[in-house]
C-alpha cells in the first residue's frame, strides 16, 4: 500500500520535528516536506503534491488561513488539516471555508491527529472532539435559555476578566482587595447566572460573546 504523503507547516521547529517523528514512525505515512512559512509551503506543494498538509494557523507574516488558500490553488489535490492552539469553533469554520478538510487543536491526542489524517485522506471532513464539544454546548445554550452577560454586575464582570487572565481566586482577591470567600461566592454566582458548569466553559463562553 502506498504511504500517505504529508507536508508539515508550522513556525516552531520542535513541533515540526515532533510531528515528523510521530508520522514517520507509522508505516502508513511519509513526511515529504516541512516548512515554517507559506511561501515555502506553496513551493513544496507544487513539487511534492502531498496528499495531506498539516497547517498551523498561527504563523506570520502569512497566517495559516491564507496559506491554505494558496496551497490549495497550486496543489488542489492536497487535503489540508488546520492545527491550532485555538479551540473556538469560529477558527475551525474559517479554516474549512478556506478549503481545509479538517481541524484539530494542539490539545488533541496523537491518536486523534492520526484519525484526522486517515479520515481526511479518505475524503471525509474531520473536526476534533474539543471543538465539537464546544459547538454542542453552544447549541444547547441556544436551544435553552440563552445566558446573558448583561445579568452580571460590574464586580462580576471584573472577576470574569481576571479569571480570563489566568488569576487564581486568591490572586483575584488580592487584586480587588476582597476576601477569598467573597471571590468564591462571586464565581459561584457568575456560573449560576450564565448556566455554565465550570471555569473552562465560562472562558469559552465569554470568548465567543466578545467579553
N, C-alpha and C. Protein backbone atom coordinates (compact mmCIF):
# COMPACT_ATOMS: atom_id res chain seq x y z
N UNK A 1 0.84 -1.20 0.00
CA UNK A 1 0.00 0.00 0.00
C UNK A 1 0.88 1.25 0.00
N UNK A 2 0.55 2.20 -0.88
CA UNK A 2 1.31 3.44 -0.92
C UNK A 2 1.14 4.21 0.38
N UNK A 3 2.23 4.79 0.84
CA UNK A 3 2.15 5.59 2.06
C UNK A 3 1.49 6.92 1.77
N UNK A 4 0.79 7.44 2.77
CA UNK A 4 0.16 8.75 2.66
C UNK A 4 1.25 9.81 2.83
N UNK A 5 1.45 10.62 1.80
CA UNK A 5 2.49 11.65 1.87
C UNK A 5 1.96 12.88 2.59
N UNK A 6 2.80 13.46 3.43
CA UNK A 6 2.38 14.55 4.31
C UNK A 6 3.40 15.68 4.31
N UNK A 7 2.92 16.91 4.28
CA UNK A 7 3.76 18.09 4.46
C UNK A 7 3.40 18.76 5.78
N UNK A 8 4.39 19.25 6.49
CA UNK A 8 4.19 19.89 7.78
C UNK A 8 4.48 21.38 7.66
N UNK A 9 3.55 22.21 8.09
CA UNK A 9 3.74 23.66 8.03
C UNK A 9 3.47 24.24 9.42
N UNK A 10 4.54 24.64 10.09
CA UNK A 10 4.43 25.22 11.43
C UNK A 10 5.70 26.02 11.69
N UNK A 11 5.55 27.18 12.32
CA UNK A 11 6.73 28.03 12.51
C UNK A 11 7.54 27.68 13.76
N UNK A 12 7.21 26.56 14.40
CA UNK A 12 8.02 26.08 15.52
C UNK A 12 8.74 24.78 15.12
N UNK A 13 10.04 24.84 15.10
CA UNK A 13 10.84 23.70 14.64
C UNK A 13 10.60 22.46 15.48
N UNK A 14 10.51 22.64 16.80
CA UNK A 14 10.33 21.48 17.69
C UNK A 14 9.02 20.76 17.39
N UNK A 15 7.96 21.52 17.09
CA UNK A 15 6.68 20.91 16.76
C UNK A 15 6.79 20.13 15.45
N UNK A 16 7.45 20.72 14.45
CA UNK A 16 7.61 20.02 13.17
C UNK A 16 8.40 18.74 13.36
N UNK A 17 9.46 18.81 14.16
CA UNK A 17 10.27 17.61 14.39
C UNK A 17 9.48 16.54 15.14
N UNK A 18 8.64 16.96 16.07
CA UNK A 18 7.82 16.00 16.83
C UNK A 18 6.81 15.32 15.93
N UNK A 19 6.11 16.13 15.11
CA UNK A 19 5.14 15.56 14.17
C UNK A 19 5.84 14.61 13.19
N UNK A 20 6.99 15.04 12.69
CA UNK A 20 7.72 14.23 11.71
C UNK A 20 8.12 12.88 12.30
N UNK A 21 8.58 12.90 13.55
CA UNK A 21 8.97 11.65 14.21
C UNK A 21 7.77 10.73 14.38
N UNK A 22 6.65 11.30 14.84
CA UNK A 22 5.44 10.50 15.06
C UNK A 22 4.96 9.88 13.75
N UNK A 23 4.90 10.69 12.71
CA UNK A 23 4.34 10.22 11.44
C UNK A 23 5.25 9.24 10.72
N UNK A 24 6.55 9.52 10.70
CA UNK A 24 7.48 8.62 10.03
C UNK A 24 7.66 7.30 10.78
N UNK A 25 7.26 7.28 12.05
CA UNK A 25 7.33 6.05 12.84
C UNK A 25 6.15 5.13 12.54
N UNK A 26 5.17 5.64 11.80
CA UNK A 26 3.98 4.88 11.42
C UNK A 26 4.10 4.50 9.95
N UNK A 27 4.02 3.21 9.64
CA UNK A 27 4.29 2.78 8.26
C UNK A 27 3.19 3.18 7.27
N UNK A 28 2.15 3.85 7.75
CA UNK A 28 1.11 4.35 6.83
C UNK A 28 1.49 5.70 6.23
N UNK A 29 2.47 6.40 6.83
CA UNK A 29 2.74 7.77 6.45
C UNK A 29 4.19 8.00 6.04
N UNK A 30 4.37 9.07 5.26
CA UNK A 30 5.74 9.51 4.91
C UNK A 30 5.74 11.03 4.79
N UNK A 31 6.56 11.68 5.60
CA UNK A 31 6.67 13.13 5.55
C UNK A 31 7.58 13.51 4.38
N UNK A 32 7.05 14.30 3.45
CA UNK A 32 7.80 14.64 2.24
C UNK A 32 8.31 16.08 2.25
N UNK A 33 7.95 16.83 3.27
CA UNK A 33 8.43 18.21 3.35
C UNK A 33 7.95 18.88 4.61
N UNK A 34 8.72 19.85 5.06
CA UNK A 34 8.31 20.63 6.21
C UNK A 34 8.85 22.05 6.08
N UNK A 35 8.09 23.01 6.58
CA UNK A 35 8.50 24.40 6.46
C UNK A 35 7.84 25.24 7.54
N UNK A 36 8.37 26.46 7.69
CA UNK A 36 7.85 27.37 8.70
C UNK A 36 7.05 28.52 8.11
N UNK A 37 6.90 28.57 6.78
CA UNK A 37 6.22 29.72 6.19
C UNK A 37 5.42 29.35 4.95
N UNK A 38 4.52 30.26 4.57
CA UNK A 38 3.58 30.00 3.49
C UNK A 38 4.27 29.90 2.12
N UNK A 39 5.25 30.76 1.89
CA UNK A 39 5.93 30.76 0.58
C UNK A 39 6.57 29.41 0.29
N UNK A 40 7.30 28.90 1.26
CA UNK A 40 7.94 27.58 1.08
C UNK A 40 6.89 26.48 0.97
N UNK A 41 5.80 26.65 1.71
CA UNK A 41 4.73 25.64 1.66
C UNK A 41 4.17 25.53 0.25
N UNK A 42 3.99 26.66 -0.41
CA UNK A 42 3.48 26.66 -1.78
C UNK A 42 4.46 25.95 -2.71
N UNK A 43 5.75 26.23 -2.57
CA UNK A 43 6.76 25.63 -3.44
C UNK A 43 6.82 24.11 -3.23
N UNK A 44 6.79 23.69 -1.97
CA UNK A 44 6.83 22.25 -1.68
C UNK A 44 5.56 21.57 -2.21
N UNK A 45 4.42 22.23 -2.03
CA UNK A 45 3.15 21.67 -2.50
C UNK A 45 3.17 21.50 -4.02
N UNK A 46 3.76 22.47 -4.73
CA UNK A 46 3.84 22.41 -6.19
C UNK A 46 4.63 21.19 -6.65
N UNK A 47 5.75 20.93 -5.99
CA UNK A 47 6.65 19.87 -6.45
C UNK A 47 6.29 18.49 -5.88
N UNK A 48 5.92 18.45 -4.60
CA UNK A 48 5.69 17.16 -3.94
C UNK A 48 4.25 16.68 -4.04
N UNK A 49 3.32 17.61 -4.22
CA UNK A 49 1.89 17.26 -4.27
C UNK A 49 1.49 16.33 -3.12
N UNK A 50 1.74 16.72 -1.87
CA UNK A 50 1.41 15.84 -0.74
C UNK A 50 -0.09 15.59 -0.65
N UNK A 51 -0.44 14.42 -0.21
CA UNK A 51 -1.87 14.11 -0.07
C UNK A 51 -2.47 14.84 1.13
N UNK A 52 -1.66 15.05 2.17
CA UNK A 52 -2.14 15.72 3.37
C UNK A 52 -1.16 16.84 3.74
N UNK A 53 -1.71 17.98 4.13
CA UNK A 53 -0.89 19.09 4.64
C UNK A 53 -1.39 19.43 6.05
N UNK A 54 -0.50 19.33 7.04
CA UNK A 54 -0.83 19.76 8.39
C UNK A 54 -0.42 21.22 8.51
N UNK A 55 -1.39 22.09 8.69
CA UNK A 55 -1.17 23.54 8.59
C UNK A 55 -1.49 24.26 9.90
N UNK A 56 -0.44 24.80 10.53
CA UNK A 56 -0.66 25.63 11.71
C UNK A 56 -1.27 26.95 11.27
N UNK A 57 -2.26 27.45 12.00
CA UNK A 57 -2.90 28.70 11.56
C UNK A 57 -2.23 29.93 12.15
N UNK A 58 -1.41 29.74 13.20
CA UNK A 58 -0.81 30.88 13.90
C UNK A 58 0.61 31.15 13.42
N UNK A 59 0.72 31.51 12.15
CA UNK A 59 2.03 31.83 11.60
C UNK A 59 2.06 33.29 11.17
N UNK A 60 3.26 33.80 10.95
CA UNK A 60 3.40 35.16 10.44
C UNK A 60 4.57 35.19 9.45
N UNK A 61 4.58 36.11 8.49
CA UNK A 61 3.59 37.17 8.29
C UNK A 61 2.30 36.67 7.62
N UNK A 62 2.35 35.52 6.94
CA UNK A 62 1.16 34.97 6.31
C UNK A 62 0.60 33.87 7.21
N UNK A 63 -0.65 34.03 7.66
CA UNK A 63 -1.21 33.04 8.58
C UNK A 63 -1.69 31.80 7.84
N UNK A 64 -2.10 30.81 8.62
CA UNK A 64 -2.50 29.53 8.05
C UNK A 64 -3.74 29.59 7.19
N UNK A 65 -4.62 30.56 7.44
CA UNK A 65 -5.82 30.69 6.61
C UNK A 65 -5.43 31.04 5.17
N UNK A 66 -4.59 32.06 5.04
CA UNK A 66 -4.16 32.49 3.70
C UNK A 66 -3.27 31.44 3.05
N UNK A 67 -2.41 30.82 3.87
CA UNK A 67 -1.53 29.78 3.34
C UNK A 67 -2.32 28.61 2.79
N UNK A 68 -3.41 28.27 3.46
CA UNK A 68 -4.27 27.18 3.00
C UNK A 68 -4.86 27.51 1.63
N UNK A 69 -5.33 28.74 1.48
CA UNK A 69 -5.90 29.16 0.20
C UNK A 69 -4.85 29.08 -0.92
N UNK A 70 -3.61 29.46 -0.59
CA UNK A 70 -2.54 29.44 -1.59
C UNK A 70 -2.16 28.02 -2.01
N UNK A 71 -1.95 27.15 -1.03
CA UNK A 71 -1.51 25.79 -1.39
C UNK A 71 -2.63 25.03 -2.10
N UNK A 72 -3.87 25.32 -1.75
CA UNK A 72 -4.98 24.68 -2.44
C UNK A 72 -5.06 25.13 -3.90
N UNK A 73 -4.63 26.36 -4.15
CA UNK A 73 -4.63 26.88 -5.51
C UNK A 73 -3.61 26.15 -6.38
N UNK A 74 -2.42 25.90 -5.81
CA UNK A 74 -1.34 25.32 -6.59
C UNK A 74 -1.25 23.79 -6.47
N UNK A 75 -1.91 23.24 -5.48
CA UNK A 75 -1.94 21.79 -5.34
C UNK A 75 -3.34 21.37 -4.89
N UNK A 76 -4.32 21.48 -5.79
CA UNK A 76 -5.73 21.25 -5.41
C UNK A 76 -6.01 19.83 -4.91
N UNK A 77 -5.14 18.89 -5.24
CA UNK A 77 -5.34 17.53 -4.77
C UNK A 77 -4.91 17.31 -3.33
N UNK A 78 -4.18 18.27 -2.77
CA UNK A 78 -3.73 18.15 -1.38
C UNK A 78 -4.87 18.52 -0.43
N UNK A 79 -5.01 17.74 0.61
CA UNK A 79 -6.05 17.99 1.61
C UNK A 79 -5.40 18.58 2.86
N UNK A 80 -5.93 19.71 3.31
CA UNK A 80 -5.34 20.45 4.43
C UNK A 80 -6.08 20.15 5.73
N UNK A 81 -5.31 19.93 6.78
CA UNK A 81 -5.85 19.83 8.15
C UNK A 81 -5.27 20.99 8.95
N UNK A 82 -6.13 21.89 9.41
CA UNK A 82 -5.68 23.00 10.23
C UNK A 82 -5.36 22.53 11.64
N UNK A 83 -4.27 23.07 12.19
CA UNK A 83 -3.88 22.74 13.56
C UNK A 83 -3.63 24.04 14.31
N UNK A 84 -4.22 24.17 15.50
CA UNK A 84 -4.14 25.44 16.20
C UNK A 84 -4.25 25.26 17.70
N UNK A 85 -3.79 26.28 18.42
CA UNK A 85 -4.00 26.30 19.86
C UNK A 85 -5.42 26.74 20.20
N UNK A 86 -6.13 27.29 19.21
CA UNK A 86 -7.47 27.82 19.45
C UNK A 86 -8.54 26.73 19.31
N UNK A 87 -9.42 26.66 20.31
CA UNK A 87 -10.48 25.65 20.28
C UNK A 87 -11.84 26.25 19.89
N UNK A 88 -11.87 27.57 19.64
CA UNK A 88 -13.15 28.20 19.32
C UNK A 88 -13.62 27.77 17.94
N UNK A 89 -14.89 27.39 17.81
CA UNK A 89 -15.42 26.90 16.53
C UNK A 89 -15.26 27.89 15.38
N UNK A 90 -15.21 29.20 15.68
CA UNK A 90 -15.08 30.17 14.60
C UNK A 90 -13.78 29.97 13.81
N UNK A 91 -12.72 29.57 14.49
CA UNK A 91 -11.45 29.31 13.80
C UNK A 91 -11.58 28.09 12.89
N UNK A 92 -12.21 27.05 13.40
CA UNK A 92 -12.40 25.84 12.60
C UNK A 92 -13.26 26.14 11.38
N UNK A 93 -14.34 26.89 11.57
CA UNK A 93 -15.23 27.23 10.46
C UNK A 93 -14.50 28.03 9.39
N UNK A 94 -13.69 28.99 9.82
CA UNK A 94 -12.97 29.81 8.85
C UNK A 94 -11.95 28.97 8.08
N UNK A 95 -11.29 28.06 8.79
CA UNK A 95 -10.30 27.21 8.12
C UNK A 95 -10.98 26.33 7.07
N UNK A 96 -12.13 25.80 7.39
CA UNK A 96 -12.87 24.98 6.43
C UNK A 96 -13.35 25.82 5.25
N UNK A 97 -13.71 27.06 5.53
CA UNK A 97 -14.13 27.95 4.44
C UNK A 97 -12.97 28.23 3.48
N UNK A 98 -11.75 28.21 3.99
CA UNK A 98 -10.57 28.45 3.15
C UNK A 98 -10.17 27.23 2.33
N UNK A 99 -10.87 26.12 2.56
CA UNK A 99 -10.59 24.93 1.77
C UNK A 99 -10.02 23.76 2.53
N UNK A 100 -9.81 23.92 3.84
CA UNK A 100 -9.31 22.80 4.65
C UNK A 100 -10.38 21.72 4.78
N UNK A 101 -9.94 20.50 5.03
CA UNK A 101 -10.86 19.37 5.21
C UNK A 101 -10.95 18.93 6.66
N UNK A 102 -10.05 19.46 7.50
CA UNK A 102 -10.05 19.04 8.89
C UNK A 102 -9.50 20.11 9.80
N UNK A 103 -9.74 19.94 11.11
CA UNK A 103 -9.26 20.90 12.11
C UNK A 103 -9.06 20.17 13.42
N UNK A 104 -7.86 20.25 13.97
CA UNK A 104 -7.60 19.70 15.30
C UNK A 104 -6.84 20.75 16.11
N UNK A 105 -6.97 20.70 17.41
CA UNK A 105 -6.24 21.63 18.26
C UNK A 105 -4.97 20.96 18.77
N UNK A 106 -4.09 21.78 19.32
CA UNK A 106 -2.83 21.26 19.85
C UNK A 106 -3.04 20.57 21.20
N UNK A 107 -4.29 20.57 21.68
CA UNK A 107 -4.65 19.76 22.85
C UNK A 107 -5.06 18.35 22.44
N UNK A 108 -5.24 18.14 21.14
CA UNK A 108 -5.66 16.82 20.66
C UNK A 108 -4.56 15.79 20.90
N UNK A 109 -4.97 14.55 21.06
CA UNK A 109 -4.01 13.47 21.28
C UNK A 109 -3.37 13.05 19.96
N UNK A 110 -2.28 12.31 20.07
CA UNK A 110 -1.63 11.76 18.88
C UNK A 110 -2.61 10.88 18.11
N UNK A 111 -3.37 10.06 18.82
CA UNK A 111 -4.32 9.16 18.16
C UNK A 111 -5.38 9.95 17.39
N UNK A 112 -5.82 11.08 17.96
CA UNK A 112 -6.83 11.86 17.26
C UNK A 112 -6.25 12.51 16.01
N UNK A 113 -4.99 12.95 16.08
CA UNK A 113 -4.34 13.51 14.90
C UNK A 113 -4.25 12.46 13.79
N UNK A 114 -3.87 11.25 14.15
CA UNK A 114 -3.76 10.18 13.15
C UNK A 114 -5.13 9.82 12.58
N UNK A 115 -6.15 9.83 13.44
CA UNK A 115 -7.51 9.59 12.97
C UNK A 115 -7.95 10.66 11.98
N UNK A 116 -7.62 11.91 12.29
CA UNK A 116 -7.97 13.01 11.41
C UNK A 116 -7.32 12.83 10.04
N UNK A 117 -6.05 12.44 10.02
CA UNK A 117 -5.33 12.23 8.76
C UNK A 117 -6.01 11.14 7.94
N UNK A 118 -6.35 10.02 8.59
CA UNK A 118 -6.97 8.91 7.86
C UNK A 118 -8.36 9.28 7.33
N UNK A 119 -9.13 9.99 8.14
CA UNK A 119 -10.48 10.39 7.72
C UNK A 119 -10.42 11.36 6.54
N UNK A 120 -9.56 12.36 6.66
CA UNK A 120 -9.43 13.36 5.59
C UNK A 120 -8.86 12.73 4.33
N UNK A 121 -7.90 11.85 4.49
CA UNK A 121 -7.33 11.16 3.33
C UNK A 121 -8.40 10.35 2.60
N UNK A 122 -9.38 9.86 3.36
CA UNK A 122 -10.48 9.09 2.78
C UNK A 122 -11.58 9.94 2.19
N UNK A 123 -11.39 11.27 2.21
CA UNK A 123 -12.37 12.16 1.60
C UNK A 123 -13.40 12.73 2.54
N UNK A 124 -13.27 12.43 3.84
CA UNK A 124 -14.22 12.94 4.82
C UNK A 124 -13.67 14.18 5.51
N UNK A 125 -14.57 15.00 6.04
CA UNK A 125 -14.14 16.13 6.86
C UNK A 125 -14.00 15.66 8.31
N UNK A 126 -13.06 16.31 9.04
CA UNK A 126 -12.86 15.90 10.43
C UNK A 126 -12.63 17.14 11.30
N UNK A 127 -13.41 17.24 12.37
CA UNK A 127 -13.22 18.28 13.38
C UNK A 127 -13.02 17.59 14.72
N UNK A 128 -12.01 18.01 15.46
CA UNK A 128 -11.64 17.30 16.69
C UNK A 128 -12.74 17.39 17.75
N UNK A 129 -12.67 16.48 18.70
CA UNK A 129 -13.69 16.38 19.74
C UNK A 129 -13.79 17.66 20.58
N UNK A 130 -12.63 18.30 20.85
CA UNK A 130 -12.65 19.51 21.68
C UNK A 130 -13.54 20.59 21.07
N UNK A 131 -13.40 20.81 19.77
CA UNK A 131 -14.21 21.83 19.10
C UNK A 131 -15.67 21.38 18.99
N UNK A 132 -15.89 20.09 18.68
CA UNK A 132 -17.26 19.60 18.58
C UNK A 132 -18.01 19.72 19.90
N UNK A 133 -17.32 19.50 21.01
CA UNK A 133 -17.96 19.62 22.32
C UNK A 133 -18.37 21.06 22.61
N UNK A 134 -17.53 22.01 22.20
CA UNK A 134 -17.87 23.42 22.40
C UNK A 134 -19.07 23.80 21.53
N UNK A 135 -19.09 23.30 20.29
CA UNK A 135 -20.23 23.55 19.41
C UNK A 135 -21.51 23.00 20.02
N UNK A 136 -21.43 21.79 20.56
CA UNK A 136 -22.61 21.17 21.17
C UNK A 136 -23.10 21.99 22.36
N UNK A 137 -22.15 22.48 23.15
CA UNK A 137 -22.52 23.31 24.30
C UNK A 137 -23.21 24.59 23.86
N UNK A 138 -22.68 25.21 22.80
CA UNK A 138 -23.29 26.44 22.29
C UNK A 138 -24.71 26.19 21.78
N UNK A 139 -24.89 25.05 21.11
CA UNK A 139 -26.22 24.71 20.59
C UNK A 139 -27.21 24.49 21.73
N UNK A 140 -26.73 23.84 22.79
CA UNK A 140 -27.60 23.62 23.95
C UNK A 140 -28.00 24.95 24.57
N UNK A 141 -27.04 25.88 24.64
CA UNK A 141 -27.32 27.18 25.21
C UNK A 141 -28.35 27.94 24.37
N UNK A 142 -28.22 27.79 23.03
CA UNK A 142 -29.14 28.49 22.15
C UNK A 142 -30.54 27.87 22.19
N UNK A 143 -30.59 26.53 22.39
CA UNK A 143 -31.88 25.86 22.44
C UNK A 143 -32.62 26.14 23.75
N UNK A 144 -31.85 26.35 24.81
CA UNK A 144 -32.46 26.61 26.11
C UNK A 144 -32.48 28.10 26.38
N UNK A 145 -32.42 28.45 27.65
CA UNK A 145 -32.38 29.86 28.00
C UNK A 145 -30.99 30.39 27.70
N UNK A 146 -30.90 31.42 26.87
CA UNK A 146 -29.62 31.96 26.44
C UNK A 146 -28.95 32.71 27.59
N UNK A 147 -27.73 32.32 27.98
CA UNK A 147 -27.02 33.08 29.02
C UNK A 147 -26.83 34.51 28.55
N UNK A 148 -26.93 35.44 29.47
CA UNK A 148 -26.84 36.85 29.11
C UNK A 148 -25.81 37.52 30.00
N UNK A 149 -24.75 38.04 29.37
CA UNK A 149 -23.70 38.72 30.13
C UNK A 149 -24.24 39.96 30.83
N UNK A 150 -25.35 40.50 30.33
CA UNK A 150 -25.92 41.71 30.94
C UNK A 150 -26.47 41.45 32.34
N UNK A 151 -26.63 40.18 32.68
CA UNK A 151 -27.12 39.86 34.03
C UNK A 151 -26.01 39.98 35.08
N UNK A 152 -24.76 40.09 34.63
CA UNK A 152 -23.65 40.17 35.56
C UNK A 152 -23.46 41.60 36.06
N UNK A 153 -23.09 41.71 37.34
CA UNK A 153 -22.78 43.02 37.90
C UNK A 153 -21.39 43.46 37.44
N UNK A 154 -21.07 44.74 37.65
CA UNK A 154 -19.75 45.24 37.26
C UNK A 154 -18.65 44.46 37.98
N UNK A 155 -18.86 44.18 39.25
CA UNK A 155 -17.86 43.42 40.03
C UNK A 155 -17.69 42.02 39.44
N UNK A 156 -18.79 41.40 39.06
CA UNK A 156 -18.70 40.07 38.48
C UNK A 156 -17.98 40.09 37.13
N UNK A 157 -18.21 41.12 36.33
CA UNK A 157 -17.51 41.25 35.05
C UNK A 157 -16.01 41.44 35.29
N UNK A 158 -15.67 42.25 36.30
CA UNK A 158 -14.26 42.42 36.65
C UNK A 158 -13.62 41.08 36.99
N UNK A 159 -14.34 40.26 37.74
CA UNK A 159 -13.81 38.96 38.15
C UNK A 159 -13.66 38.03 36.95
N UNK A 160 -14.65 38.07 36.04
CA UNK A 160 -14.55 37.25 34.83
C UNK A 160 -13.30 37.61 34.04
N UNK A 161 -13.03 38.90 33.90
CA UNK A 161 -11.86 39.34 33.14
C UNK A 161 -10.56 38.88 33.79
N UNK A 162 -10.52 38.87 35.12
CA UNK A 162 -9.33 38.40 35.83
C UNK A 162 -9.18 36.89 35.72
N UNK A 163 -10.30 36.19 35.71
CA UNK A 163 -10.27 34.73 35.50
C UNK A 163 -9.67 34.44 34.13
N UNK A 164 -10.08 35.21 33.12
CA UNK A 164 -9.56 35.02 31.76
C UNK A 164 -8.07 35.31 31.67
N UNK A 165 -7.57 36.15 32.56
CA UNK A 165 -6.14 36.44 32.60
C UNK A 165 -5.35 35.33 33.28
N UNK A 166 -6.08 34.37 33.86
CA UNK A 166 -5.43 33.23 34.48
C UNK A 166 -5.17 33.36 35.97
N UNK A 167 -5.76 34.37 36.60
CA UNK A 167 -5.53 34.58 38.03
C UNK A 167 -6.33 33.57 38.86
N UNK A 168 -5.75 33.15 39.97
CA UNK A 168 -6.45 32.28 40.90
C UNK A 168 -7.40 33.11 41.75
N UNK A 169 -8.28 32.43 42.50
CA UNK A 169 -9.22 33.16 43.36
C UNK A 169 -8.47 34.00 44.39
N UNK A 170 -7.37 33.45 44.92
CA UNK A 170 -6.56 34.20 45.90
C UNK A 170 -5.98 35.46 45.27
N UNK A 171 -5.46 35.33 44.05
CA UNK A 171 -4.87 36.48 43.36
C UNK A 171 -5.93 37.51 42.99
N UNK A 172 -7.12 37.02 42.63
CA UNK A 172 -8.22 37.95 42.32
C UNK A 172 -8.60 38.74 43.57
N UNK A 173 -8.67 38.05 44.69
CA UNK A 173 -8.99 38.72 45.94
C UNK A 173 -7.98 39.81 46.29
N UNK A 174 -6.69 39.51 46.08
CA UNK A 174 -5.65 40.49 46.34
C UNK A 174 -5.75 41.67 45.39
N UNK A 175 -6.05 41.39 44.13
CA UNK A 175 -6.13 42.45 43.13
C UNK A 175 -7.30 43.40 43.43
N UNK A 176 -8.44 42.82 43.84
CA UNK A 176 -9.65 43.62 44.06
C UNK A 176 -9.84 44.01 45.53
N UNK A 177 -8.91 43.56 46.38
CA UNK A 177 -8.95 43.87 47.81
C UNK A 177 -10.25 43.36 48.45
N UNK A 178 -10.58 42.09 48.11
CA UNK A 178 -11.71 41.42 48.74
C UNK A 178 -11.25 40.05 49.24
N UNK A 179 -12.05 39.44 50.12
CA UNK A 179 -11.64 38.17 50.71
C UNK A 179 -11.76 37.03 49.71
N UNK A 180 -11.02 35.95 49.98
CA UNK A 180 -11.09 34.75 49.15
C UNK A 180 -12.51 34.20 49.11
N UNK A 181 -13.18 34.22 50.27
CA UNK A 181 -14.55 33.70 50.33
C UNK A 181 -15.48 34.53 49.43
N UNK A 182 -15.30 35.84 49.42
CA UNK A 182 -16.12 36.71 48.58
C UNK A 182 -15.91 36.39 47.10
N UNK A 183 -14.65 36.16 46.73
CA UNK A 183 -14.35 35.80 45.34
C UNK A 183 -15.06 34.51 44.96
N UNK A 184 -14.98 33.52 45.84
CA UNK A 184 -15.61 32.23 45.56
C UNK A 184 -17.12 32.36 45.41
N UNK A 185 -17.73 33.22 46.23
CA UNK A 185 -19.17 33.45 46.13
C UNK A 185 -19.50 34.08 44.78
N UNK A 186 -18.70 35.06 44.38
CA UNK A 186 -18.90 35.70 43.08
C UNK A 186 -18.77 34.69 41.94
N UNK A 187 -17.75 33.83 42.02
CA UNK A 187 -17.53 32.84 40.96
C UNK A 187 -18.73 31.89 40.86
N UNK A 188 -19.24 31.48 42.00
CA UNK A 188 -20.42 30.60 42.02
C UNK A 188 -21.61 31.30 41.38
N UNK A 189 -21.83 32.56 41.75
CA UNK A 189 -22.97 33.31 41.21
C UNK A 189 -22.84 33.55 39.71
N UNK A 190 -21.62 33.79 39.24
CA UNK A 190 -21.39 34.02 37.80
C UNK A 190 -21.78 32.77 37.01
N UNK A 191 -21.30 31.61 37.46
CA UNK A 191 -21.63 30.36 36.75
C UNK A 191 -23.12 30.07 36.81
N UNK A 192 -23.74 30.37 37.94
CA UNK A 192 -25.18 30.12 38.09
C UNK A 192 -25.98 31.04 37.17
N UNK A 193 -25.62 32.32 37.11
CA UNK A 193 -26.34 33.27 36.26
C UNK A 193 -26.24 32.90 34.78
N UNK A 194 -25.05 32.42 34.39
CA UNK A 194 -24.83 32.10 32.98
C UNK A 194 -25.15 30.65 32.64
N UNK A 195 -25.54 29.88 33.68
CA UNK A 195 -25.88 28.47 33.47
C UNK A 195 -24.72 27.69 32.86
N UNK A 196 -23.52 27.91 33.42
CA UNK A 196 -22.31 27.24 32.95
C UNK A 196 -21.79 26.33 34.05
N UNK A 197 -21.10 25.26 33.63
CA UNK A 197 -20.70 24.23 34.59
C UNK A 197 -19.37 24.52 35.29
N UNK A 198 -18.44 25.14 34.59
CA UNK A 198 -17.11 25.30 35.16
C UNK A 198 -16.39 26.49 34.55
N UNK A 199 -15.16 26.73 35.03
CA UNK A 199 -14.39 27.88 34.58
C UNK A 199 -14.04 27.79 33.10
N UNK A 200 -13.72 26.59 32.62
CA UNK A 200 -13.38 26.42 31.20
C UNK A 200 -14.55 26.83 30.31
N UNK A 201 -15.75 26.41 30.70
CA UNK A 201 -16.96 26.77 29.94
C UNK A 201 -17.19 28.28 29.99
N UNK A 202 -16.87 28.88 31.14
CA UNK A 202 -17.02 30.34 31.29
C UNK A 202 -16.10 31.08 30.33
N UNK A 203 -14.84 30.66 30.29
CA UNK A 203 -13.85 31.31 29.41
C UNK A 203 -14.26 31.15 27.95
N UNK A 204 -14.68 29.94 27.57
CA UNK A 204 -15.11 29.71 26.19
C UNK A 204 -16.32 30.58 25.83
N UNK A 205 -17.27 30.66 26.76
CA UNK A 205 -18.48 31.44 26.51
C UNK A 205 -18.16 32.93 26.34
N UNK A 206 -17.34 33.48 27.23
CA UNK A 206 -17.02 34.90 27.15
C UNK A 206 -16.18 35.22 25.93
N UNK A 207 -15.31 34.29 25.51
CA UNK A 207 -14.54 34.50 24.29
C UNK A 207 -15.47 34.55 23.09
N UNK A 208 -16.45 33.65 23.08
CA UNK A 208 -17.38 33.57 21.95
C UNK A 208 -18.31 34.78 21.87
N UNK A 209 -18.54 35.40 23.04
CA UNK A 209 -19.50 36.52 23.06
C UNK A 209 -18.82 37.87 23.27
N UNK A 210 -17.51 37.89 23.10
CA UNK A 210 -16.81 39.16 22.98
C UNK A 210 -16.56 39.94 24.26
N UNK A 211 -16.55 39.27 25.43
CA UNK A 211 -16.25 40.00 26.65
C UNK A 211 -14.74 40.20 26.76
